[in-house]
Amino acid sequence: MTEPPARLGFSSTIEALRLRDWLLGPGQATLVTDQFSADDFHVVVDDRADVHVNSTDGRFYLGWFPLGRPGTEGEGWKIAVTGTATVRGYQMSFDTETPADVVAAAVARVLETSRQL
């Protein structure tokens, strides 16, 4: 008995090809900013109404730039975690139209992976 030949190419169903409704638009920034407690983070709102959140140890930074971060092409959110002497840190950016729900999920995951020493 031989096995049937493997199917090559892309196959799908009509059901899988239906249009989806995607979350669009910036949404409510408070979904992101409400994740920070005054005990562990400092919040500053500057003269442009940009919001800056720093951890008390200075290793975490979140910036929200509703009109775009100066000097960038529409960057609306900046998340950065400073590394250590032996491990590099990381950063990520989202544009001004990225839904706050998406940014909130990224921030929640970053906060979940942190721990106090």
C-alpha atoms as a PDB file:
ATOM      1  CA  MET A   1       0.000   0.000   0.000  1.00  0.00           C
ATOM      2  CA  THR A   2       1.412   3.373  -0.956  1.00  0.00           C
ATOM      3  CA  GLU A   3       0.745   6.658   0.761  1.00  0.00           C
ATOM      4  CA  PRO A   4      -1.073   9.399  -1.121  1.00  0.00           C
ATOM      5  CA  PRO A   5       1.245  12.114  -2.444  1.00  0.00           C
ATOM      6  CA  ALA A   6       1.707  15.122  -0.204  1.00  0.00           C
ATOM      7  CA  ARG A   7      -0.402  18.117  -1.190  1.00  0.00           C
ATOM      8  CA  LEU A   8       1.731  20.944  -2.462  1.00  0.00           C
ATOM      9  CA  GLY A   9       0.887  24.604  -2.310  1.00  0.00           C
ATOM     10  CA  PHE A  10      -1.534  26.602  -0.249  1.00  0.00           C
ATOM     11  CA  SER A  11      -4.993  25.324   0.434  1.00  0.00           C
ATOM     12  CA  SER A  12      -7.754  27.032   2.322  1.00  0.00           C
ATOM     13  CA  THR A  13     -11.480  27.066   2.752  1.00  0.00           C
ATOM     14  CA  ILE A  14     -14.025  29.727   1.962  1.00  0.00           C
ATOM     15  CA  GLU A  15     -14.534  30.092   5.728  1.00  0.00           C
ATOM     16  CA  ALA A  16     -10.847  30.868   6.301  1.00  0.00           C
ATOM     17  CA  LEU A  17     -10.829  33.505   3.552  1.00  0.00           C
ATOM     18  CA  ARG A  18     -13.659  35.600   4.985  1.00  0.00           C
ATOM     19  CA  LEU A  19     -12.818  39.159   5.934  1.00  0.00           C
ATOM     20  CA  ARG A  20     -11.964  39.894   9.533  1.00  0.00           C
ATOM     21  CA  ASP A  21     -12.700  42.952  11.625  1.00  0.00           C
ATOM     22  CA  TRP A  22      -9.388  44.266  12.981  1.00  0.00           C
ATOM     23  CA  LEU A  23      -8.959  46.654  15.900  1.00  0.00           C
ATOM     24  CA  LEU A  24      -7.859  49.997  14.466  1.00  0.00           C
ATOM     25  CA  GLY A  25      -7.300  53.495  15.799  1.00  0.00           C
ATOM     26  CA  PRO A  26      -5.361  54.640  18.838  1.00  0.00           C
ATOM     27  CA  GLY A  27      -8.059  53.938  21.437  1.00  0.00           C
ATOM     28  CA  GLN A  28      -7.717  54.946  25.087  1.00  0.00           C
ATOM     29  CA  ALA A  29      -4.173  55.501  26.341  1.00  0.00           C
ATOM     30  CA  THR A  30      -5.361  54.911  29.910  1.00  0.00           C
ATOM     31  CA  LEU A  31      -5.451  51.177  29.080  1.00  0.00           C
ATOM     32  CA  VAL A  32      -1.656  51.460  29.088  1.00  0.00           C
ATOM     33  CA  THR A  33      -0.977  54.103  31.726  1.00  0.00           C
ATOM     34  CA  ASP A  34      -3.343  52.636  34.340  1.00  0.00           C
ATOM     35  CA  GLN A  35      -1.034  49.607  34.666  1.00  0.00           C
ATOM     36  CA  PHE A  36       1.515  51.605  36.673  1.00  0.00           C
ATOM     37  CA  SER A  37       1.385  52.118  40.441  1.00  0.00           C
ATOM     38  CA  ALA A  38       2.704  55.236  42.148  1.00  0.00           C
ATOM     39  CA  ASP A  39       4.762  52.997  44.458  1.00  0.00           C
ATOM     40  CA  ASP A  40       6.931  51.590  41.669  1.00  0.00           C
ATOM     41  CA  PHE A  41       6.760  54.186  38.873  1.00  0.00           C
ATOM     42  CA  HIS A  42       7.102  57.935  38.348  1.00  0.00           C
ATOM     43  CA  VAL A  43       4.789  59.632  35.845  1.00  0.00           C
ATOM     44  CA  VAL A  44       5.568  62.986  34.254  1.00  0.00           C
ATOM     45  CA  VAL A  45       3.426  64.903  31.774  1.00  0.00           C
ATOM     46  CA  ASP A  46       5.490  67.469  29.905  1.00  0.00           C
ATOM     47  CA  ASP A  47       4.547  70.761  28.245  1.00  0.00           C
ATOM     48  CA  ARG A  48       3.600  68.972  24.983  1.00  0.00           C
ATOM     49  CA  ALA A  49       1.220  66.664  26.915  1.00  0.00           C
ATOM     50  CA  ASP A  50       3.556  63.729  26.277  1.00  0.00           C
ATOM     51  CA  VAL A  51       3.525  61.195  29.114  1.00  0.00           C
ATOM     52  CA  HIS A  52       6.721  59.657  30.488  1.00  0.00           C
ATOM     53  CA  VAL A  53       6.708  56.716  32.909  1.00  0.00           C
ATOM     54  CA  ASN A  54       9.891  55.534  34.630  1.00  0.00           C
ATOM     55  CA  SER A  55      10.402  52.723  37.096  1.00  0.00           C
ATOM     56  CA  THR A  56      11.824  53.816  40.442  1.00  0.00           C
ATOM     57  CA  ASP A  57      15.035  51.896  39.634  1.00  0.00           C
ATOM     58  CA  GLY A  58      15.318  53.776  36.323  1.00  0.00           C
ATOM     59  CA  ARG A  59      15.550  50.656  34.141  1.00  0.00           C
ATOM     60  CA  PHE A  60      12.058  50.796  32.581  1.00  0.00           C
ATOM     61  CA  TYR A  61      10.764  53.658  30.447  1.00  0.00           C
ATOM     62  CA  LEU A  62       7.471  54.183  28.649  1.00  0.00           C
ATOM     63  CA  GLY A  63       6.780  57.272  26.601  1.00  0.00           C
ATOM     64  CA  TRP A  64       3.421  58.158  25.063  1.00  0.00           C
ATOM     65  CA  PHE A  65       3.526  60.850  22.398  1.00  0.00           C
ATOM     66  CA  PRO A  66      -0.056  61.555  21.210  1.00  0.00           C
ATOM     67  CA  LEU A  67       1.140  63.889  18.425  1.00  0.00           C
ATOM     68  CA  GLY A  68       4.214  61.799  17.574  1.00  0.00           C
ATOM     69  CA  ARG A  69       7.617  61.704  19.185  1.00  0.00           C
ATOM     70  CA  PRO A  70       9.755  64.652  18.089  1.00  0.00           C
ATOM     71  CA  GLY A  71      12.380  63.667  15.551  1.00  0.00           C
ATOM     72  CA  THR A  72      10.587  60.490  14.451  1.00  0.00           C
ATOM     73  CA  GLU A  73       8.110  59.493  11.763  1.00  0.00           C
ATOM     74  CA  GLY A  74       4.899  59.134  13.780  1.00  0.00           C
ATOM     75  CA  GLU A  75       6.271  57.173  16.727  1.00  0.00           C
ATOM     76  CA  GLY A  76       3.548  57.281  19.372  1.00  0.00           C
ATOM     77  CA  TRP A  77       4.809  54.852  22.009  1.00  0.00           C
ATOM     78  CA  LYS A  78       8.303  53.967  23.183  1.00  0.00           C
ATOM     79  CA  ILE A  79       9.093  51.170  25.622  1.00  0.00           C
ATOM     80  CA  ALA A  80      12.665  50.601  26.781  1.00  0.00           C
ATOM     81  CA  VAL A  81      14.243  48.333  29.360  1.00  0.00           C
ATOM     82  CA  THR A  82      17.864  49.026  30.235  1.00  0.00           C
ATOM     83  CA  GLY A  83      20.180  46.040  30.277  1.00  0.00           C
ATOM     84  CA  THR A  84      22.821  45.049  32.781  1.00  0.00           C
ATOM     85  CA  ALA A  85      26.591  44.818  32.587  1.00  0.00           C
ATOM     86  CA  THR A  86      26.264  41.371  31.006  1.00  0.00           C
ATOM     87  CA  VAL A  87      22.888  41.367  29.208  1.00  0.00           C
ATOM     88  CA  ARG A  88      21.701  43.917  26.663  1.00  0.00           C
ATOM     89  CA  GLY A  89      18.421  45.713  27.193  1.00  0.00           C
ATOM     90  CA  TYR A  90      15.727  46.150  24.568  1.00  0.00           C
ATOM     91  CA  GLN A  91      13.271  48.658  23.219  1.00  0.00           C
ATOM     92  CA  MET A  92      10.168  48.699  21.088  1.00  0.00           C
ATOM     93  CA  SER A  93       8.136  51.390  19.410  1.00  0.00           C
ATOM     94  CA  PHE A  94       4.574  51.696  18.157  1.00  0.00           C
ATOM     95  CA  ASP A  95       3.180  54.395  15.927  1.00  0.00           C
ATOM     96  CA  THR A  96       0.495  56.894  16.952  1.00  0.00           C
ATOM     97  CA  GLU A  97      -2.282  54.817  15.377  1.00  0.00           C
ATOM     98  CA  THR A  98      -1.406  51.534  17.110  1.00  0.00           C
ATOM     99  CA  PRO A  99      -4.404  50.578  19.260  1.00  0.00           C
ATOM    100  CA  ALA A 100      -3.770  51.185  22.956  1.00  0.00           C
ATOM    101  CA  ASP A 101      -5.062  47.642  23.574  1.00  0.00           C
ATOM    102  CA  VAL A 102      -2.063  46.263  21.662  1.00  0.00           C
ATOM    103  CA  VAL A 103       0.426  48.487  23.495  1.00  0.00           C
ATOM    104  CA  ALA A 104      -1.241  47.610  26.822  1.00  0.00           C
ATOM    105  CA  ALA A 105      -0.745  43.910  26.103  1.00  0.00           C
ATOM    106  CA  ALA A 106       2.963  44.466  25.364  1.00  0.00           C
ATOM    107  CA  VAL A 107       3.405  46.546  28.526  1.00  0.00           C
ATOM    108  CA  ALA A 108       1.525  43.975  30.629  1.00  0.00           C
ATOM    109  CA  ARG A 109       3.853  41.238  29.400  1.00  0.00           C
ATOM    110  CA  VAL A 110       6.961  43.324  30.116  1.00  0.00           C
ATOM    111  CA  LEU A 111       5.688  44.041  33.637  1.00  0.00           C
ATOM    112  CA  GLU A 112       4.790  40.361  34.195  1.00  0.00           C
ATOM    113  CA  THR A 113       8.343  39.315  33.359  1.00  0.00           C
ATOM    114  CA  SER A 114       9.936  41.768  35.795  1.00  0.00           C
ATOM    115  CA  ARG A 115      10.716  40.894  39.380  1.00  0.00           C
ATOM    116  CA  GLN A 116      11.977  42.776  42.384  1.00  0.00           C
ATOM    117  CA  LEU A 117      15.432  41.893  43.659  1.00  0.00           C
END
